[in-house]
Every structure is written in structure tokens, then in C-alpha cells.
């Protein structure tokens, strides 16, 4: 039985020796951390965002542009592209199992996206330290044509101390 969030062509799916999700090592831990976030991520679920690939510091997610995501020009509203990229960023920076939140982000829109297009956002860790990190996200059509570039900066989530 294949995990629906892993593409069927992924030979590592379910193979602990290949670092698949059943692995007890870093790849398995990353997948479990991201799946736990996704389980409570109502925004990603409402947008139809699906996980394709998870590894420590690296995540690929997909979303299909629906008619309700189109702006007045008939192209995908930039806010939805930002949300897709931000989701990939969030999952990548939390894939190490430490709670991280966005501290800043920017996006460059490179080309319009039409309704019905399937977009893939690939987040890659550029820099990571104990309390912060930088991640780049490429948003492309299924065919690989780049549509947007996003850069996010994350910071470790500080749990407020209990004060008497």
C-alpha cells in the first residue's frame, strides 16, 4: 500500500533502507514532523495543498489553481502563490522537529499562473542555525516552468515562560 502523499514513482516510499517514511532516521523523523503540522494546518488543507516529498530541510508540495483563486485578470491571485510557497517554507523549516515560525518573507512573481495549472513548490534549506534559518522556495508549473521565487527567514518559536 502506497502512502498517498508520496508520488508512486518514489522508490524510497516505505523502504526504511532507502530513507522512506518508515525509516527511523532523519528522513522518517522529518516526514513525521511535517505530517503532524499538516494534520492541524486547516489553511493548507482548504487550499488543497498536498505533500509530495519530505526530507530534513527540503519539502515539495503541490496545489492546483482553482477558479476561486483567480483574480480580476483571470490569473492566480498572488496571495495564493504566496500561501503555497509559505506552506512549503513552513514545512521545510519545521522538518527538523524544532518549532520554527516565519520571521520574514518575500516573493518575486515571475510569470502568471492560469486556472487549472498544477503548481509545485520546492523549499530548500539555504542556512540553518539553532535559532534561525533561511529557506528558498521555487514555485513552478508541473512542467518545470518557474512562476515565482520565495525566500523565507524563520526563527525558533519561544515558549512563553510561566510567570507566577
C-alpha atoms as a PDB file:
ATOM      1  CA  UNK A   1       0.000   0.000   0.000  1.00  0.00           C
ATOM      2  CA  UNK A   2       1.478   3.315  -1.103  1.00  0.00           C
ATOM      3  CA  UNK A   3       1.292   6.458   1.061  1.00  0.00           C
ATOM      4  CA  UNK A   4      -0.944   8.851  -0.916  1.00  0.00           C
ATOM      5  CA  UNK A   5       1.299  11.830  -0.120  1.00  0.00           C
ATOM      6  CA  UNK A   6       4.307  10.196  -1.807  1.00  0.00           C
ATOM      7  CA  UNK A   7       4.381  10.022  -5.610  1.00  0.00           C
ATOM      8  CA  UNK A   8       4.171   6.439  -6.888  1.00  0.00           C
ATOM      9  CA  UNK A   9       7.462   6.867  -8.759  1.00  0.00           C
ATOM     10  CA  UNK A  10       9.316   7.397  -5.469  1.00  0.00           C
ATOM     11  CA  UNK A  11      11.245   4.138  -4.950  1.00  0.00           C
ATOM     12  CA  UNK A  12      12.029   5.096  -1.338  1.00  0.00           C
ATOM     13  CA  UNK A  13       8.370   5.147  -0.296  1.00  0.00           C
ATOM     14  CA  UNK A  14       8.014   2.838   2.661  1.00  0.00           C
ATOM     15  CA  UNK A  15      11.561   1.481   2.342  1.00  0.00           C
ATOM     16  CA  UNK A  16      13.490   2.076   5.593  1.00  0.00           C
ATOM     17  CA  UNK A  17      16.799   1.226   3.914  1.00  0.00           C
ATOM     18  CA  UNK A  18      16.188   3.950   1.312  1.00  0.00           C
ATOM     19  CA  UNK A  19      15.198   6.550   3.907  1.00  0.00           C
ATOM     20  CA  UNK A  20      11.475   6.288   3.183  1.00  0.00           C
ATOM     21  CA  UNK A  21       8.786   7.331   5.648  1.00  0.00           C
ATOM     22  CA  UNK A  22       9.065   4.034   7.534  1.00  0.00           C
ATOM     23  CA  UNK A  23      12.707   4.853   8.308  1.00  0.00           C
ATOM     24  CA  UNK A  24      13.659   5.623  11.877  1.00  0.00           C
ATOM     25  CA  UNK A  25      16.388   8.043  10.766  1.00  0.00           C
ATOM     26  CA  UNK A  26      16.280  11.727   9.817  1.00  0.00           C
ATOM     27  CA  UNK A  27      14.050  11.229   6.757  1.00  0.00           C
ATOM     28  CA  UNK A  28      11.394   9.412   8.766  1.00  0.00           C
ATOM     29  CA  UNK A  29      11.579  11.949  11.597  1.00  0.00           C
ATOM     30  CA  UNK A  30      11.222  14.818   9.095  1.00  0.00           C
ATOM     31  CA  UNK A  31       8.166  13.210   7.493  1.00  0.00           C
ATOM     32  CA  UNK A  32       6.524  12.638  10.887  1.00  0.00           C
ATOM     33  CA  UNK A  33       7.182  16.262  11.947  1.00  0.00           C
ATOM     34  CA  UNK A  34       5.684  17.643   8.730  1.00  0.00           C
ATOM     35  CA  UNK A  35       2.707  15.257   8.774  1.00  0.00           C
ATOM     36  CA  UNK A  36       1.927  16.404  12.340  1.00  0.00           C
ATOM     37  CA  UNK A  37       1.919  20.050  11.177  1.00  0.00           C
ATOM     38  CA  UNK A  38      -0.217  19.241   8.137  1.00  0.00           C
ATOM     39  CA  UNK A  39      -2.780  17.409  10.286  1.00  0.00           C
ATOM     40  CA  UNK A  40      -3.626  20.716  12.022  1.00  0.00           C
ATOM     41  CA  UNK A  41      -2.983  23.036   9.050  1.00  0.00           C
ATOM     42  CA  UNK A  42      -6.523  23.998   8.084  1.00  0.00           C
ATOM     43  CA  UNK A  43      -5.302  26.657   5.642  1.00  0.00           C
ATOM     44  CA  UNK A  44      -3.192  24.205   3.599  1.00  0.00           C
ATOM     45  CA  UNK A  45      -5.990  21.666   3.620  1.00  0.00           C
ATOM     46  CA  UNK A  46      -8.567  24.243   2.478  1.00  0.00           C
ATOM     47  CA  UNK A  47      -6.286  25.278  -0.403  1.00  0.00           C
ATOM     48  CA  UNK A  48      -5.917  21.651  -1.480  1.00  0.00           C
ATOM     49  CA  UNK A  49      -2.163  21.650  -0.822  1.00  0.00           C
ATOM     50  CA  UNK A  50      -0.699  18.164  -0.830  1.00  0.00           C
ATOM     51  CA  UNK A  51       2.691  16.912   0.326  1.00  0.00           C
ATOM     52  CA  UNK A  52       4.818  15.274  -2.340  1.00  0.00           C
ATOM     53  CA  UNK A  53       8.243  14.900  -0.749  1.00  0.00           C
ATOM     54  CA  UNK A  54       9.770  15.473   2.680  1.00  0.00           C
ATOM     55  CA  UNK A  55      13.383  15.303   3.847  1.00  0.00           C
ATOM     56  CA  UNK A  56      15.214  17.279   6.526  1.00  0.00           C
ATOM     57  CA  UNK A  57      15.275  20.890   5.284  1.00  0.00           C
ATOM     58  CA  UNK A  58      13.595  20.023   1.973  1.00  0.00           C
ATOM     59  CA  UNK A  59       9.902  19.821   1.092  1.00  0.00           C
ATOM     60  CA  UNK A  60       7.858  19.653  -2.120  1.00  0.00           C
ATOM     61  CA  UNK A  61       4.148  20.457  -2.046  1.00  0.00           C
ATOM     62  CA  UNK A  62       1.573  20.883  -4.810  1.00  0.00           C
ATOM     63  CA  UNK A  63      -1.613  22.862  -5.397  1.00  0.00           C
ATOM     64  CA  UNK A  64      -3.957  23.142  -8.371  1.00  0.00           C
ATOM     65  CA  UNK A  65      -5.195  26.658  -9.186  1.00  0.00           C
ATOM     66  CA  UNK A  66      -8.974  26.613  -8.751  1.00  0.00           C
ATOM     67  CA  UNK A  67     -11.466  29.095 -10.267  1.00  0.00           C
ATOM     68  CA  UNK A  68     -11.972  30.717  -6.830  1.00  0.00           C
ATOM     69  CA  UNK A  69      -8.219  31.515  -6.748  1.00  0.00           C
ATOM     70  CA  UNK A  70      -8.311  33.710  -9.870  1.00  0.00           C
ATOM     71  CA  UNK A  71      -8.037  37.491  -9.705  1.00  0.00           C
ATOM     72  CA  UNK A  72      -9.749  40.093 -11.911  1.00  0.00           C
ATOM     73  CA  UNK A  73      -7.249  39.434 -14.711  1.00  0.00           C
ATOM     74  CA  UNK A  74      -8.146  35.732 -14.800  1.00  0.00           C
ATOM     75  CA  UNK A  75      -4.799  34.624 -13.345  1.00  0.00           C
ATOM     76  CA  UNK A  76      -3.952  33.153  -9.970  1.00  0.00           C
ATOM     77  CA  UNK A  77      -4.048  35.778  -7.216  1.00  0.00           C
ATOM     78  CA  UNK A  78      -0.555  36.386  -5.817  1.00  0.00           C
ATOM     79  CA  UNK A  79      -1.761  35.728  -2.292  1.00  0.00           C
ATOM     80  CA  UNK A  80      -2.454  32.100  -3.173  1.00  0.00           C
ATOM     81  CA  UNK A  81       1.024  31.709  -4.696  1.00  0.00           C
ATOM     82  CA  UNK A  82       2.478  33.224  -1.530  1.00  0.00           C
ATOM     83  CA  UNK A  83       0.411  30.836   0.623  1.00  0.00           C
ATOM     84  CA  UNK A  84       1.656  27.819  -1.353  1.00  0.00           C
ATOM     85  CA  UNK A  85       5.292  28.927  -1.084  1.00  0.00           C
ATOM     86  CA  UNK A  86       4.876  29.861   2.586  1.00  0.00           C
ATOM     87  CA  UNK A  87       3.455  26.408   3.327  1.00  0.00           C
ATOM     88  CA  UNK A  88       6.455  24.698   1.707  1.00  0.00           C
ATOM     89  CA  UNK A  89       8.758  27.026   3.675  1.00  0.00           C
ATOM     90  CA  UNK A  90       6.954  26.318   6.961  1.00  0.00           C
ATOM     91  CA  UNK A  91       7.148  22.561   6.486  1.00  0.00           C
ATOM     92  CA  UNK A  92      10.822  22.658   5.476  1.00  0.00           C
ATOM     93  CA  UNK A  93      11.923  24.780   8.422  1.00  0.00           C
ATOM     94  CA  UNK A  94       9.935  22.608  10.854  1.00  0.00           C
ATOM     95  CA  UNK A  95      11.140  19.322   9.332  1.00  0.00           C
ATOM     96  CA  UNK A  96      13.958  19.107  11.872  1.00  0.00           C
ATOM     97  CA  UNK A  97      11.420  18.691  14.675  1.00  0.00           C
ATOM     98  CA  UNK A  98      12.043  22.066  16.326  1.00  0.00           C
ATOM     99  CA  UNK A  99       9.196  24.585  16.307  1.00  0.00           C
ATOM    100  CA  UNK A 100      10.080  27.432  13.927  1.00  0.00           C
ATOM    101  CA  UNK A 101       7.935  30.360  12.759  1.00  0.00           C
ATOM    102  CA  UNK A 102       8.312  32.860   9.943  1.00  0.00           C
ATOM    103  CA  UNK A 103      10.264  35.980  10.852  1.00  0.00           C
ATOM    104  CA  UNK A 104      10.107  37.447   7.349  1.00  0.00           C
ATOM    105  CA  UNK A 105       9.470  36.508   3.750  1.00  0.00           C
ATOM    106  CA  UNK A 106       9.455  37.958   0.257  1.00  0.00           C
ATOM    107  CA  UNK A 107       8.269  36.723  -3.108  1.00  0.00           C
ATOM    108  CA  UNK A 108       9.032  37.609  -6.724  1.00  0.00           C
ATOM    109  CA  UNK A 109       6.247  36.825  -9.190  1.00  0.00           C
ATOM    110  CA  UNK A 110       7.942  35.775 -12.433  1.00  0.00           C
ATOM    111  CA  UNK A 111       5.039  34.714 -14.652  1.00  0.00           C
ATOM    112  CA  UNK A 112       1.250  34.448 -14.355  1.00  0.00           C
ATOM    113  CA  UNK A 113      -0.486  31.181 -13.476  1.00  0.00           C
ATOM    114  CA  UNK A 114      -3.702  30.153 -15.189  1.00  0.00           C
ATOM    115  CA  UNK A 115      -6.690  28.397 -13.716  1.00  0.00           C
ATOM    116  CA  UNK A 116      -6.280  24.625 -13.695  1.00  0.00           C
ATOM    117  CA  UNK A 117      -2.473  24.745 -13.518  1.00  0.00           C
ATOM    118  CA  UNK A 118      -0.852  22.381 -11.055  1.00  0.00           C
ATOM    119  CA  UNK A 119       1.897  24.209  -9.182  1.00  0.00           C
ATOM    120  CA  UNK A 120       4.789  22.596  -7.334  1.00  0.00           C
ATOM    121  CA  UNK A 121       6.582  24.499  -4.560  1.00  0.00           C
ATOM    122  CA  UNK A 122      10.026  23.161  -3.681  1.00  0.00           C
ATOM    123  CA  UNK A 123      11.555  24.502  -0.462  1.00  0.00           C
ATOM    124  CA  UNK A 124      15.280  24.116   0.180  1.00  0.00           C
ATOM    125  CA  UNK A 125      17.261  24.976   3.270  1.00  0.00           C
ATOM    126  CA  UNK A 126      19.893  27.601   2.490  1.00  0.00           C
ATOM    127  CA  UNK A 127      21.121  28.250   6.031  1.00  0.00           C
ATOM    128  CA  UNK A 128      20.181  26.872   9.433  1.00  0.00           C
ATOM    129  CA  UNK A 129      21.392  27.604  12.935  1.00  0.00           C
ATOM    130  CA  UNK A 130      19.986  26.797  16.385  1.00  0.00           C
ATOM    131  CA  UNK A 131      17.635  29.791  16.427  1.00  0.00           C
ATOM    132  CA  UNK A 132      17.067  30.817  12.812  1.00  0.00           C
ATOM    133  CA  UNK A 133      17.200  29.733   9.189  1.00  0.00           C
ATOM    134  CA  UNK A 134      16.871  30.877   5.584  1.00  0.00           C
ATOM    135  CA  UNK A 135      14.887  28.895   3.007  1.00  0.00           C
ATOM    136  CA  UNK A 136      14.359  29.390  -0.719  1.00  0.00           C
ATOM    137  CA  UNK A 137      11.207  28.176  -2.445  1.00  0.00           C
ATOM    138  CA  UNK A 138      10.779  27.759  -6.191  1.00  0.00           C
ATOM    139  CA  UNK A 139       7.171  27.697  -7.413  1.00  0.00           C
ATOM    140  CA  UNK A 140       6.866  26.093 -10.826  1.00  0.00           C
ATOM    141  CA  UNK A 141       4.299  24.565 -13.144  1.00  0.00           C
ATOM    142  CA  UNK A 142       4.195  20.775 -13.333  1.00  0.00           C
ATOM    143  CA  UNK A 143       6.302  21.144 -16.499  1.00  0.00           C
ATOM    144  CA  UNK A 144       9.062  22.878 -14.511  1.00  0.00           C
ATOM    145  CA  UNK A 145       8.465  26.428 -15.793  1.00  0.00           C
ATOM    146  CA  UNK A 146       9.279  28.782 -12.905  1.00  0.00           C
ATOM    147  CA  UNK A 147       6.403  31.017 -11.795  1.00  0.00           C
ATOM    148  CA  UNK A 148       7.667  32.578  -8.530  1.00  0.00           C
ATOM    149  CA  UNK A 149      10.652  32.669  -6.182  1.00  0.00           C
ATOM    150  CA  UNK A 150      10.140  32.999  -2.428  1.00  0.00           C
ATOM    151  CA  UNK A 151      12.698  33.488   0.346  1.00  0.00           C
ATOM    152  CA  UNK A 152      11.728  32.972   3.959  1.00  0.00           C
ATOM    153  CA  UNK A 153      13.541  33.614   7.208  1.00  0.00           C
ATOM    154  CA  UNK A 154      12.470  31.621  10.259  1.00  0.00           C
ATOM    155  CA  UNK A 155      13.101  31.923  13.976  1.00  0.00           C
ATOM    156  CA  UNK A 156      12.805  29.367  16.733  1.00  0.00           C
ATOM    157  CA  UNK A 157       9.448  29.546  18.465  1.00  0.00           C
ATOM    158  CA  UNK A 158       9.936  30.625  22.046  1.00  0.00           C
ATOM    159  CA  UNK A 159       7.517  29.164  24.501  1.00  0.00           C
ATOM    160  CA  UNK A 160       6.471  31.853  26.978  1.00  0.00           C
ATOM    161  CA  UNK A 161       7.679  31.166  30.483  1.00  0.00           C
ATOM    162  CA  UNK A 162       5.107  30.696  33.202  1.00  0.00           C
ATOM    163  CA  UNK A 163       5.121  33.695  35.488  1.00  0.00           C
ATOM    164  CA  UNK A 164       3.577  33.473  38.952  1.00  0.00           C
END
